[in-house]
Amino acid sequence: MVRVVERRRAPPGPGVPGSKFTITGSHFGETRGLGTVYFGGIHADIASWSDTSISAYVPDELPSDTYKVSVNGAGGQSAGDSTFTVNGLGTALSKTGWTAKASKLSPYATDVLANMIDDDTDTRYSSGTGQESGQWVEVDMGKAQTFDTIALDSGSSTGDYARGADVFVSSDGTKWTKAAALSSHRSGRCSREDAGSRRRD
């Protein structure tokens, strides 16, 4: 018996590490089984799987480049490949002199605001409550800064991340201009934190 399976294509990107993307096609298998998605030789985490659609995440820490994305169906057989452009997160700005504040503070002594900007995914800031519209965090960078990417990483706190947020910038902390909208890519890794986000330049 021979089954002819149409070639699946991943979107060409670009995407940043940790972002979610969807591959569409047919005959992937109703359940994942032995199914996999790889960026070159690097395994991509799967978010959801159906016979016609696979949602997965761009592997963390991939440098900027164009990658061959290969898919194996539920039975482990090759289901095609495509290319995907990854825009790496680049070099982080120095956070020396930065301060943070938020609309909600955690009652837990270990979840303080300073953890939000300490570059350590083993610590965290938490609002101490579930995300709701109107919550915010604000970072004062101390001086004008140029940036084009914001990555909020909740590390091992995989259930505590913003499902979405708006980014505003200000030069004086009074007048705010919306610069972007963030959406969560996955639990523990997205453009995220435990509240809506503001950034001050």
N, C-alpha and C. Protein backbone atom coordinates (compact mmCIF):
# COMPACT_ATOMS: atom_id res chain seq x y z
N MET A 1 0.86 -1.18 0.00
CA MET A 1 0.00 0.00 0.00
C MET A 1 0.90 1.23 0.00
N VAL A 2 0.56 2.20 -0.79
CA VAL A 2 1.31 3.45 -0.88
C VAL A 2 0.36 4.59 -0.61
N ARG A 3 0.77 5.50 0.23
CA ARG A 3 -0.01 6.71 0.47
C ARG A 3 0.81 7.89 -0.01
N VAL A 4 0.26 8.72 -0.85
CA VAL A 4 0.91 9.94 -1.30
C VAL A 4 0.46 11.05 -0.38
N VAL A 5 1.42 11.65 0.26
CA VAL A 5 1.13 12.69 1.24
C VAL A 5 1.61 14.02 0.70
N GLU A 6 0.74 15.02 0.75
CA GLU A 6 1.15 16.33 0.23
C GLU A 6 2.26 16.90 1.08
N ARG A 7 3.09 17.74 0.49
CA ARG A 7 4.22 18.37 1.18
C ARG A 7 3.69 19.44 2.12
N ARG A 8 4.19 19.44 3.32
CA ARG A 8 3.78 20.44 4.31
C ARG A 8 4.75 21.59 4.27
N ARG A 9 4.26 22.76 4.55
CA ARG A 9 5.14 23.92 4.57
C ARG A 9 4.96 24.69 5.86
N ALA A 10 6.07 25.02 6.48
CA ALA A 10 6.06 25.94 7.61
C ALA A 10 6.10 27.35 7.05
N PRO A 11 5.53 28.30 7.75
CA PRO A 11 5.65 29.69 7.28
C PRO A 11 7.11 30.09 7.22
N PRO A 12 7.51 30.98 6.31
CA PRO A 12 8.91 31.34 6.17
C PRO A 12 9.45 32.21 7.27
N GLY A 13 8.64 32.59 8.23
CA GLY A 13 9.11 33.47 9.30
C GLY A 13 8.99 34.92 8.83
N PRO A 14 9.69 35.86 9.41
CA PRO A 14 10.62 35.60 10.49
C PRO A 14 9.92 35.39 11.82
N GLY A 15 10.62 34.76 12.75
CA GLY A 15 10.14 34.57 14.10
C GLY A 15 11.30 34.68 15.06
N VAL A 16 11.01 34.98 16.31
CA VAL A 16 12.06 35.06 17.32
C VAL A 16 12.05 33.77 18.12
N PRO A 17 13.17 33.43 18.76
CA PRO A 17 13.18 32.23 19.60
C PRO A 17 12.06 32.29 20.62
N GLY A 18 11.36 31.18 20.77
CA GLY A 18 10.24 31.10 21.70
C GLY A 18 8.90 31.42 21.09
N SER A 19 8.88 31.98 19.86
CA SER A 19 7.60 32.33 19.26
C SER A 19 6.90 31.10 18.70
N LYS A 20 5.59 31.18 18.65
CA LYS A 20 4.76 30.08 18.17
C LYS A 20 4.50 30.23 16.69
N PHE A 21 4.53 29.12 15.97
CA PHE A 21 4.21 29.14 14.54
C PHE A 21 3.36 27.92 14.23
N THR A 22 2.69 27.94 13.09
CA THR A 22 1.79 26.85 12.71
C THR A 22 2.16 26.31 11.35
N ILE A 23 2.17 24.99 11.25
CA ILE A 23 2.40 24.28 9.99
C ILE A 23 1.08 23.66 9.59
N THR A 24 0.65 23.91 8.35
CA THR A 24 -0.61 23.33 7.89
C THR A 24 -0.35 22.32 6.79
N GLY A 25 -1.25 21.37 6.65
CA GLY A 25 -1.13 20.32 5.64
C GLY A 25 -2.20 19.28 5.86
N SER A 26 -1.90 18.03 5.59
CA SER A 26 -2.85 16.95 5.84
C SER A 26 -2.07 15.67 6.11
N HIS A 27 -2.77 14.72 6.73
CA HIS A 27 -2.21 13.39 7.05
C HIS A 27 -1.05 13.44 8.03
N PHE A 28 -1.06 14.42 8.96
CA PHE A 28 -0.05 14.43 10.01
C PHE A 28 -0.32 13.32 11.03
N GLY A 29 -1.57 12.90 11.14
CA GLY A 29 -2.00 11.96 12.17
C GLY A 29 -2.88 12.68 13.18
N GLU A 30 -3.95 12.02 13.60
CA GLU A 30 -4.90 12.66 14.52
C GLU A 30 -4.26 13.00 15.87
N THR A 31 -3.35 12.13 16.33
CA THR A 31 -2.61 12.41 17.55
C THR A 31 -1.13 12.44 17.22
N ARG A 32 -0.34 13.03 18.07
CA ARG A 32 1.08 13.25 17.76
C ARG A 32 1.87 11.96 17.57
N GLY A 33 1.68 10.98 18.43
CA GLY A 33 2.41 9.73 18.30
C GLY A 33 3.92 9.97 18.28
N LEU A 34 4.58 9.59 17.18
CA LEU A 34 6.02 9.77 17.01
C LEU A 34 6.37 11.06 16.27
N GLY A 35 5.39 11.93 16.11
CA GLY A 35 5.59 13.15 15.34
C GLY A 35 6.59 14.11 15.96
N THR A 36 7.38 14.76 15.11
CA THR A 36 8.39 15.71 15.56
C THR A 36 8.49 16.88 14.59
N VAL A 37 9.03 17.99 15.08
CA VAL A 37 9.39 19.14 14.26
C VAL A 37 10.81 19.54 14.67
N TYR A 38 11.68 19.74 13.67
CA TYR A 38 13.06 20.12 13.93
C TYR A 38 13.45 21.36 13.16
N PHE A 39 14.25 22.22 13.79
CA PHE A 39 14.93 23.34 13.12
C PHE A 39 16.36 22.86 12.92
N GLY A 40 16.71 22.45 11.71
CA GLY A 40 18.00 21.80 11.51
C GLY A 40 18.00 20.56 12.38
N GLY A 41 18.95 20.43 13.28
CA GLY A 41 18.99 19.28 14.18
C GLY A 41 18.43 19.57 15.55
N ILE A 42 17.75 20.71 15.72
CA ILE A 42 17.27 21.11 17.04
C ILE A 42 15.76 20.89 17.15
N HIS A 43 15.36 20.14 18.14
CA HIS A 43 13.96 19.78 18.36
C HIS A 43 13.13 21.00 18.75
N ALA A 44 11.95 21.14 18.16
CA ALA A 44 11.02 22.21 18.52
C ALA A 44 9.92 21.64 19.40
N ASP A 45 9.57 22.34 20.48
CA ASP A 45 8.48 21.91 21.34
C ASP A 45 7.16 22.06 20.60
N ILE A 46 6.30 21.06 20.76
CA ILE A 46 4.99 21.04 20.10
C ILE A 46 3.93 21.59 21.05
N ALA A 47 3.11 22.52 20.57
CA ALA A 47 2.01 23.07 21.36
C ALA A 47 0.72 22.29 21.13
N SER A 48 0.44 21.98 19.87
CA SER A 48 -0.78 21.23 19.55
C SER A 48 -0.57 20.46 18.25
N TRP A 49 -1.35 19.42 18.07
CA TRP A 49 -1.18 18.52 16.92
C TRP A 49 -2.54 18.04 16.46
N SER A 50 -2.78 18.11 15.15
CA SER A 50 -3.97 17.49 14.57
C SER A 50 -3.59 16.96 13.20
N ASP A 51 -4.51 16.33 12.53
CA ASP A 51 -4.22 15.74 11.22
C ASP A 51 -3.88 16.80 10.17
N THR A 52 -4.32 18.03 10.39
CA THR A 52 -4.12 19.08 9.38
C THR A 52 -3.29 20.28 9.86
N SER A 53 -2.90 20.29 11.15
CA SER A 53 -2.21 21.47 11.68
C SER A 53 -1.32 21.10 12.85
N ILE A 54 -0.11 21.65 12.85
CA ILE A 54 0.81 21.49 13.98
C ILE A 54 1.23 22.88 14.44
N SER A 55 1.08 23.15 15.73
CA SER A 55 1.60 24.39 16.30
C SER A 55 2.82 24.04 17.14
N ALA A 56 3.89 24.77 16.94
CA ALA A 56 5.14 24.51 17.65
C ALA A 56 5.82 25.83 17.97
N TYR A 57 6.95 25.76 18.69
CA TYR A 57 7.68 26.94 19.11
C TYR A 57 9.08 26.95 18.51
N VAL A 58 9.51 28.11 18.06
CA VAL A 58 10.89 28.27 17.60
C VAL A 58 11.79 27.97 18.80
N PRO A 59 12.75 27.06 18.67
CA PRO A 59 13.59 26.71 19.82
C PRO A 59 14.29 27.93 20.42
N ASP A 60 14.37 27.92 21.74
CA ASP A 60 15.04 29.01 22.46
C ASP A 60 16.51 29.08 22.07
N GLU A 61 17.04 30.28 22.11
CA GLU A 61 18.48 30.53 21.93
C GLU A 61 19.00 30.29 20.52
N LEU A 62 18.12 30.11 19.54
CA LEU A 62 18.61 29.98 18.16
C LEU A 62 19.15 31.33 17.69
N PRO A 63 20.34 31.35 17.09
CA PRO A 63 20.83 32.60 16.53
C PRO A 63 20.10 32.95 15.24
N SER A 64 20.21 34.19 14.83
CA SER A 64 19.59 34.62 13.58
C SER A 64 20.15 33.82 12.42
N ASP A 65 19.26 33.26 11.61
CA ASP A 65 19.67 32.46 10.45
C ASP A 65 18.41 31.93 9.79
N THR A 66 18.59 31.29 8.65
CA THR A 66 17.49 30.58 7.98
C THR A 66 17.71 29.09 8.21
N TYR A 67 16.67 28.43 8.71
CA TYR A 67 16.76 27.03 9.10
C TYR A 67 15.85 26.16 8.25
N LYS A 68 16.27 24.93 8.03
CA LYS A 68 15.41 23.91 7.43
C LYS A 68 14.52 23.37 8.55
N VAL A 69 13.21 23.50 8.37
CA VAL A 69 12.25 22.97 9.34
C VAL A 69 11.70 21.67 8.76
N SER A 70 11.95 20.57 9.45
CA SER A 70 11.49 19.27 8.97
C SER A 70 10.44 18.70 9.91
N VAL A 71 9.48 18.00 9.32
CA VAL A 71 8.36 17.44 10.06
C VAL A 71 8.32 15.93 9.84
N ASN A 72 8.16 15.19 10.92
CA ASN A 72 7.84 13.77 10.85
C ASN A 72 6.43 13.61 11.36
N GLY A 73 5.60 12.87 10.63
CA GLY A 73 4.21 12.65 11.01
C GLY A 73 4.09 11.73 12.22
N ALA A 74 2.84 11.46 12.62
CA ALA A 74 2.57 10.68 13.83
C ALA A 74 3.20 9.30 13.80
N GLY A 75 3.35 8.73 12.61
CA GLY A 75 3.96 7.41 12.49
C GLY A 75 5.48 7.45 12.41
N GLY A 76 6.08 8.64 12.49
CA GLY A 76 7.52 8.80 12.43
C GLY A 76 8.07 9.00 11.03
N GLN A 77 7.21 8.96 10.02
CA GLN A 77 7.63 9.11 8.64
C GLN A 77 7.82 10.59 8.28
N SER A 78 8.71 10.86 7.34
CA SER A 78 8.94 12.23 6.89
C SER A 78 7.66 12.80 6.28
N ALA A 79 7.35 14.03 6.66
CA ALA A 79 6.16 14.69 6.15
C ALA A 79 6.53 16.00 5.47
N GLY A 80 7.79 16.15 5.07
CA GLY A 80 8.20 17.32 4.32
C GLY A 80 9.02 18.29 5.14
N ASP A 81 9.49 19.32 4.44
CA ASP A 81 10.31 20.33 5.09
C ASP A 81 10.14 21.65 4.37
N SER A 82 10.60 22.70 5.00
CA SER A 82 10.56 24.04 4.44
C SER A 82 11.66 24.84 5.13
N THR A 83 11.74 26.12 4.82
CA THR A 83 12.71 26.99 5.49
C THR A 83 11.99 28.00 6.36
N PHE A 84 12.68 28.46 7.38
CA PHE A 84 12.11 29.41 8.33
C PHE A 84 13.23 30.33 8.78
N THR A 85 12.99 31.63 8.74
CA THR A 85 13.98 32.61 9.15
C THR A 85 13.78 32.97 10.61
N VAL A 86 14.85 32.85 11.39
CA VAL A 86 14.82 33.19 12.81
C VAL A 86 15.58 34.50 13.00
N ASN A 87 14.93 35.45 13.66
CA ASN A 87 15.60 36.68 14.06
C ASN A 87 15.93 36.54 15.54
N GLY A 88 17.18 36.29 15.85
CA GLY A 88 17.61 36.11 17.23
C GLY A 88 17.33 37.36 18.06
N LEU A 89 17.37 37.18 19.37
CA LEU A 89 17.05 38.29 20.26
C LEU A 89 18.16 39.32 20.35
N GLY A 90 19.34 38.99 19.85
CA GLY A 90 20.43 39.96 19.87
C GLY A 90 21.01 40.15 21.25
N THR A 91 21.82 41.16 21.39
CA THR A 91 22.48 41.45 22.66
C THR A 91 21.57 42.29 23.55
N ALA A 92 21.39 41.84 24.77
CA ALA A 92 20.52 42.56 25.70
C ALA A 92 21.17 43.88 26.13
N LEU A 93 20.33 44.87 26.38
CA LEU A 93 20.81 46.14 26.91
C LEU A 93 21.32 45.94 28.34
N SER A 94 22.30 46.73 28.74
CA SER A 94 22.74 46.72 30.13
C SER A 94 21.61 47.27 30.99
N LYS A 95 21.35 46.61 32.09
CA LYS A 95 20.27 47.03 32.98
C LYS A 95 20.78 47.82 34.19
N THR A 96 22.02 48.22 34.15
CA THR A 96 22.60 49.02 35.23
C THR A 96 21.80 50.32 35.41
N GLY A 97 21.35 50.56 36.61
CA GLY A 97 20.61 51.78 36.91
C GLY A 97 19.12 51.68 36.63
N TRP A 98 18.64 50.56 36.12
CA TRP A 98 17.22 50.41 35.85
C TRP A 98 16.46 50.21 37.15
N THR A 99 15.22 50.71 37.17
CA THR A 99 14.31 50.48 38.30
C THR A 99 12.97 50.02 37.75
N ALA A 100 12.21 49.34 38.59
CA ALA A 100 10.91 48.82 38.16
C ALA A 100 9.85 49.13 39.19
N LYS A 101 8.63 49.29 38.73
CA LYS A 101 7.48 49.39 39.61
C LYS A 101 6.30 48.72 38.92
N ALA A 102 5.24 48.48 39.67
CA ALA A 102 4.10 47.74 39.13
C ALA A 102 2.82 48.13 39.84
N SER A 103 1.71 47.85 39.19
CA SER A 103 0.40 48.16 39.77
C SER A 103 0.03 47.18 40.88
N LYS A 104 0.62 45.99 40.85
CA LYS A 104 0.35 44.96 41.87
C LYS A 104 1.66 44.40 42.36
N LEU A 105 1.75 44.18 43.67
CA LEU A 105 2.94 43.60 44.26
C LEU A 105 2.58 42.30 44.95
N SER A 106 3.48 41.34 44.87
CA SER A 106 3.25 40.03 45.47
C SER A 106 3.37 40.10 46.99
N PRO A 107 2.57 39.31 47.70
CA PRO A 107 2.74 39.23 49.15
C PRO A 107 3.93 38.35 49.54
N TYR A 108 4.55 37.68 48.55
CA TYR A 108 5.65 36.77 48.82
C TYR A 108 6.99 37.50 48.72
N ALA A 109 7.82 37.37 49.74
CA ALA A 109 9.08 38.12 49.83
C ALA A 109 10.06 37.76 48.72
N THR A 110 9.92 36.59 48.11
CA THR A 110 10.87 36.18 47.07
C THR A 110 10.49 36.67 45.68
N ASP A 111 9.32 37.24 45.51
CA ASP A 111 8.82 37.64 44.18
C ASP A 111 8.89 39.14 43.96
N VAL A 112 9.99 39.77 44.34
CA VAL A 112 10.11 41.22 44.33
C VAL A 112 10.38 41.77 42.92
N LEU A 113 10.10 43.04 42.74
CA LEU A 113 10.26 43.70 41.44
C LEU A 113 11.68 43.64 40.89
N ALA A 114 12.68 43.74 41.75
CA ALA A 114 14.07 43.72 41.26
C ALA A 114 14.37 42.44 40.48
N ASN A 115 13.66 41.36 40.80
CA ASN A 115 13.87 40.09 40.08
C ASN A 115 13.49 40.19 38.60
N MET A 116 12.63 41.12 38.27
CA MET A 116 12.15 41.25 36.90
C MET A 116 13.27 41.70 35.96
N ILE A 117 14.28 42.37 36.48
CA ILE A 117 15.33 42.92 35.62
C ILE A 117 16.72 42.42 36.04
N ASP A 118 16.79 41.23 36.67
CA ASP A 118 18.08 40.74 37.15
C ASP A 118 18.74 39.71 36.21
N ASP A 119 18.11 39.42 35.06
CA ASP A 119 18.66 38.47 34.08
C ASP A 119 18.83 37.07 34.64
N ASP A 120 18.05 36.71 35.65
CA ASP A 120 18.15 35.38 36.25
C ASP A 120 16.77 34.72 36.17
N THR A 121 16.65 33.69 35.33
CA THR A 121 15.34 33.03 35.17
C THR A 121 15.00 32.14 36.36
N ASP A 122 15.91 31.99 37.34
CA ASP A 122 15.59 31.24 38.54
C ASP A 122 14.92 32.12 39.60
N THR A 123 14.88 33.44 39.37
CA THR A 123 14.13 34.33 40.25
C THR A 123 12.97 34.89 39.44
N ARG A 124 12.02 35.51 40.11
CA ARG A 124 10.90 36.07 39.36
C ARG A 124 10.24 37.20 40.14
N TYR A 125 9.57 38.05 39.38
CA TYR A 125 8.61 39.00 39.94
C TYR A 125 7.23 38.39 39.73
N SER A 126 6.37 38.55 40.70
CA SER A 126 4.98 38.12 40.55
C SER A 126 4.08 39.20 41.12
N SER A 127 2.93 39.37 40.49
CA SER A 127 1.94 40.31 41.01
C SER A 127 1.20 39.71 42.20
N GLY A 128 1.31 38.40 42.39
CA GLY A 128 0.60 37.75 43.48
C GLY A 128 -0.86 37.50 43.18
N THR A 129 -1.26 37.78 41.94
CA THR A 129 -2.65 37.57 41.54
C THR A 129 -2.69 37.23 40.06
N GLY A 130 -3.80 36.74 39.59
CA GLY A 130 -3.94 36.43 38.16
C GLY A 130 -3.94 37.68 37.31
N GLN A 131 -3.57 37.52 36.04
CA GLN A 131 -3.56 38.67 35.14
C GLN A 131 -4.97 39.17 34.89
N GLU A 132 -5.12 40.48 34.92
CA GLU A 132 -6.40 41.10 34.58
C GLU A 132 -6.12 42.41 33.86
N SER A 133 -7.08 42.83 33.08
CA SER A 133 -6.93 44.04 32.29
C SER A 133 -6.58 45.23 33.18
N GLY A 134 -5.62 46.03 32.73
CA GLY A 134 -5.24 47.23 33.46
C GLY A 134 -4.01 47.07 34.34
N GLN A 135 -3.61 45.83 34.66
CA GLN A 135 -2.37 45.66 35.41
C GLN A 135 -1.21 46.15 34.57
N TRP A 136 -0.14 46.60 35.22
CA TRP A 136 1.02 47.06 34.47
C TRP A 136 2.30 46.87 35.27
N VAL A 137 3.38 46.79 34.54
CA VAL A 137 4.72 46.89 35.10
C VAL A 137 5.42 48.00 34.33
N GLU A 138 6.30 48.70 34.99
CA GLU A 138 6.99 49.81 34.36
C GLU A 138 8.47 49.72 34.68
N VAL A 139 9.29 49.88 33.67
CA VAL A 139 10.74 49.87 33.86
C VAL A 139 11.29 51.22 33.43
N ASP A 140 11.99 51.88 34.35
CA ASP A 140 12.67 53.13 34.03
C ASP A 140 14.10 52.76 33.69
N MET A 141 14.49 52.99 32.44
CA MET A 141 15.83 52.63 31.97
C MET A 141 16.88 53.67 32.34
N GLY A 142 16.47 54.75 32.99
CA GLY A 142 17.41 55.74 33.48
C GLY A 142 17.89 56.74 32.44
N LYS A 143 17.82 56.37 31.17
CA LYS A 143 18.23 57.26 30.08
C LYS A 143 17.56 56.74 28.81
N ALA A 144 17.61 57.55 27.76
CA ALA A 144 17.02 57.13 26.48
C ALA A 144 17.77 55.89 25.97
N GLN A 145 17.01 54.90 25.53
CA GLN A 145 17.57 53.66 25.00
C GLN A 145 16.86 53.32 23.70
N THR A 146 17.58 52.71 22.78
CA THR A 146 16.98 52.22 21.53
C THR A 146 16.87 50.71 21.61
N PHE A 147 15.69 50.17 21.36
CA PHE A 147 15.50 48.72 21.39
C PHE A 147 14.39 48.36 20.40
N ASP A 148 14.42 47.12 19.93
CA ASP A 148 13.38 46.68 18.99
C ASP A 148 12.75 45.36 19.41
N THR A 149 13.17 44.80 20.54
CA THR A 149 12.62 43.52 21.00
C THR A 149 12.48 43.56 22.51
N ILE A 150 11.38 43.03 23.01
CA ILE A 150 11.18 42.84 24.44
C ILE A 150 10.86 41.38 24.66
N ALA A 151 11.64 40.73 25.51
CA ALA A 151 11.38 39.33 25.86
C ALA A 151 11.22 39.24 27.36
N LEU A 152 10.06 38.83 27.80
CA LEU A 152 9.79 38.61 29.22
C LEU A 152 9.74 37.10 29.42
N ASP A 153 10.56 36.59 30.29
CA ASP A 153 10.70 35.15 30.44
C ASP A 153 10.38 34.75 31.86
N SER A 154 9.38 33.91 32.05
CA SER A 154 8.99 33.49 33.40
C SER A 154 9.74 32.26 33.86
N GLY A 155 10.74 31.83 33.09
CA GLY A 155 11.60 30.74 33.52
C GLY A 155 10.84 29.48 33.87
N SER A 156 11.09 28.94 35.06
CA SER A 156 10.44 27.68 35.46
C SER A 156 9.02 27.89 35.97
N SER A 157 8.57 29.14 36.09
CA SER A 157 7.20 29.41 36.52
C SER A 157 6.28 29.34 35.30
N THR A 158 6.12 28.13 34.79
CA THR A 158 5.49 27.95 33.48
C THR A 158 4.00 28.31 33.45
N GLY A 159 3.36 28.43 34.59
CA GLY A 159 1.96 28.83 34.58
C GLY A 159 1.77 30.32 34.77
N ASP A 160 2.84 31.03 35.12
CA ASP A 160 2.74 32.46 35.44
C ASP A 160 3.37 33.30 34.34
N TYR A 161 2.58 33.67 33.37
CA TYR A 161 3.07 34.52 32.30
C TYR A 161 1.89 35.28 31.72
N ALA A 162 2.17 36.44 31.17
CA ALA A 162 1.10 37.25 30.58
C ALA A 162 0.57 36.60 29.32
N ARG A 163 -0.72 36.56 29.21
CA ARG A 163 -1.33 36.01 27.98
C ARG A 163 -1.36 37.05 26.88
N GLY A 164 -1.11 38.29 27.23
CA GLY A 164 -1.04 39.37 26.26
C GLY A 164 -0.84 40.68 26.99
N ALA A 165 -0.22 41.64 26.32
CA ALA A 165 0.03 42.94 26.95
C ALA A 165 0.34 43.97 25.87
N ASP A 166 0.20 45.22 26.20
CA ASP A 166 0.59 46.31 25.32
C ASP A 166 1.85 46.95 25.86
N VAL A 167 2.71 47.42 24.98
CA VAL A 167 3.96 48.08 25.35
C VAL A 167 3.83 49.56 25.05
N PHE A 168 4.10 50.39 26.05
CA PHE A 168 4.08 51.84 25.89
C PHE A 168 5.47 52.38 26.20
N VAL A 169 5.86 53.45 25.55
CA VAL A 169 7.14 54.10 25.83
C VAL A 169 6.89 55.55 26.19
N SER A 170 7.83 56.11 26.96
CA SER A 170 7.70 57.49 27.39
C SER A 170 9.09 58.05 27.65
N SER A 171 9.27 59.33 27.39
CA SER A 171 10.54 59.98 27.72
C SER A 171 10.46 60.72 29.04
N ASP A 172 9.23 60.85 29.60
CA ASP A 172 9.08 61.61 30.84
C ASP A 172 8.26 60.89 31.91
N GLY A 173 7.74 59.70 31.62
CA GLY A 173 6.94 58.97 32.59
C GLY A 173 5.54 59.50 32.74
N THR A 174 5.16 60.48 31.92
CA THR A 174 3.82 61.07 31.98
C THR A 174 3.04 60.81 30.70
N LYS A 175 3.64 61.14 29.56
CA LYS A 175 3.00 60.90 28.27
C LYS A 175 3.49 59.56 27.73
N TRP A 176 2.56 58.65 27.44
CA TRP A 176 2.89 57.30 26.99
C TRP A 176 2.38 57.09 25.57
N THR A 177 3.19 56.46 24.75
CA THR A 177 2.83 56.13 23.36
C THR A 177 2.89 54.62 23.19
N LYS A 178 1.81 54.06 22.67
CA LYS A 178 1.81 52.61 22.45
C LYS A 178 2.80 52.28 21.33
N ALA A 179 3.71 51.34 21.61
CA ALA A 179 4.74 50.96 20.65
C ALA A 179 4.53 49.57 20.07
N ALA A 180 3.87 48.69 20.81
CA ALA A 180 3.71 47.31 20.33
C ALA A 180 2.69 46.60 21.19
N ALA A 181 2.24 45.45 20.70
CA ALA A 181 1.40 44.54 21.47
C ALA A 181 2.16 43.23 21.61
N LEU A 182 2.15 42.66 22.80
CA LEU A 182 2.82 41.40 23.06
C LEU A 182 1.80 40.29 23.16
N SER A 183 2.17 39.13 22.70
CA SER A 183 1.32 37.96 22.89
C SER A 183 2.19 36.84 23.43
N SER A 184 1.57 35.98 24.23
CA SER A 184 2.34 34.89 24.81
C SER A 184 2.62 33.85 23.74
N HIS A 185 3.84 33.31 23.77
CA HIS A 185 4.23 32.27 22.83
C HIS A 185 4.04 30.90 23.45
N ARG A 186 4.24 30.78 24.70
CA ARG A 186 4.02 29.53 25.40
C ARG A 186 4.18 29.75 26.89
N SER A 187 3.69 28.81 27.68
CA SER A 187 3.83 28.95 29.12
C SER A 187 5.31 28.95 29.45
N GLY A 188 5.73 29.97 30.16
CA GLY A 188 7.11 30.09 30.57
C GLY A 188 7.99 30.79 29.57
N ARG A 189 7.54 31.01 28.35
CA ARG A 189 8.39 31.69 27.37
C ARG A 189 7.51 32.43 26.39
N CYS A 190 7.55 33.74 26.46
CA CYS A 190 6.80 34.55 25.52
C CYS A 190 7.29 35.96 25.67
N SER A 191 6.55 36.87 25.09
CA SER A 191 6.79 38.26 25.44
C SER A 191 5.91 38.47 26.65
N ARG A 192 6.46 38.37 27.84
CA ARG A 192 5.61 38.12 28.98
C ARG A 192 6.13 38.64 30.31
N GLU A 193 5.27 38.62 31.24
CA GLU A 193 5.51 38.76 32.66
C GLU A 193 4.16 38.57 33.29
N ASP A 194 4.03 38.89 34.54
CA ASP A 194 2.80 38.59 35.26
C ASP A 194 1.84 39.78 35.25
N ALA A 195 2.01 40.69 34.30
CA ALA A 195 1.13 41.86 34.20
C ALA A 195 1.27 42.48 32.84
N GLY A 196 0.40 43.44 32.55
CA GLY A 196 0.60 44.23 31.35
C GLY A 196 1.92 44.97 31.43
N SER A 197 2.46 45.39 30.31
CA SER A 197 3.83 45.91 30.33
C SER A 197 3.94 47.34 29.82
N ARG A 198 4.77 48.14 30.47
CA ARG A 198 5.17 49.45 29.97
C ARG A 198 6.68 49.48 29.97
N ARG A 199 7.24 50.17 29.04
CA ARG A 199 8.68 50.35 29.03
C ARG A 199 8.99 51.84 28.87
N ARG A 200 9.89 52.31 29.64
CA ARG A 200 10.24 53.73 29.60
C ARG A 200 11.61 53.88 28.96
N ASP A 201 11.72 54.80 27.97
CA ASP A 201 13.05 55.03 27.37
C ASP A 201 13.66 56.29 27.91
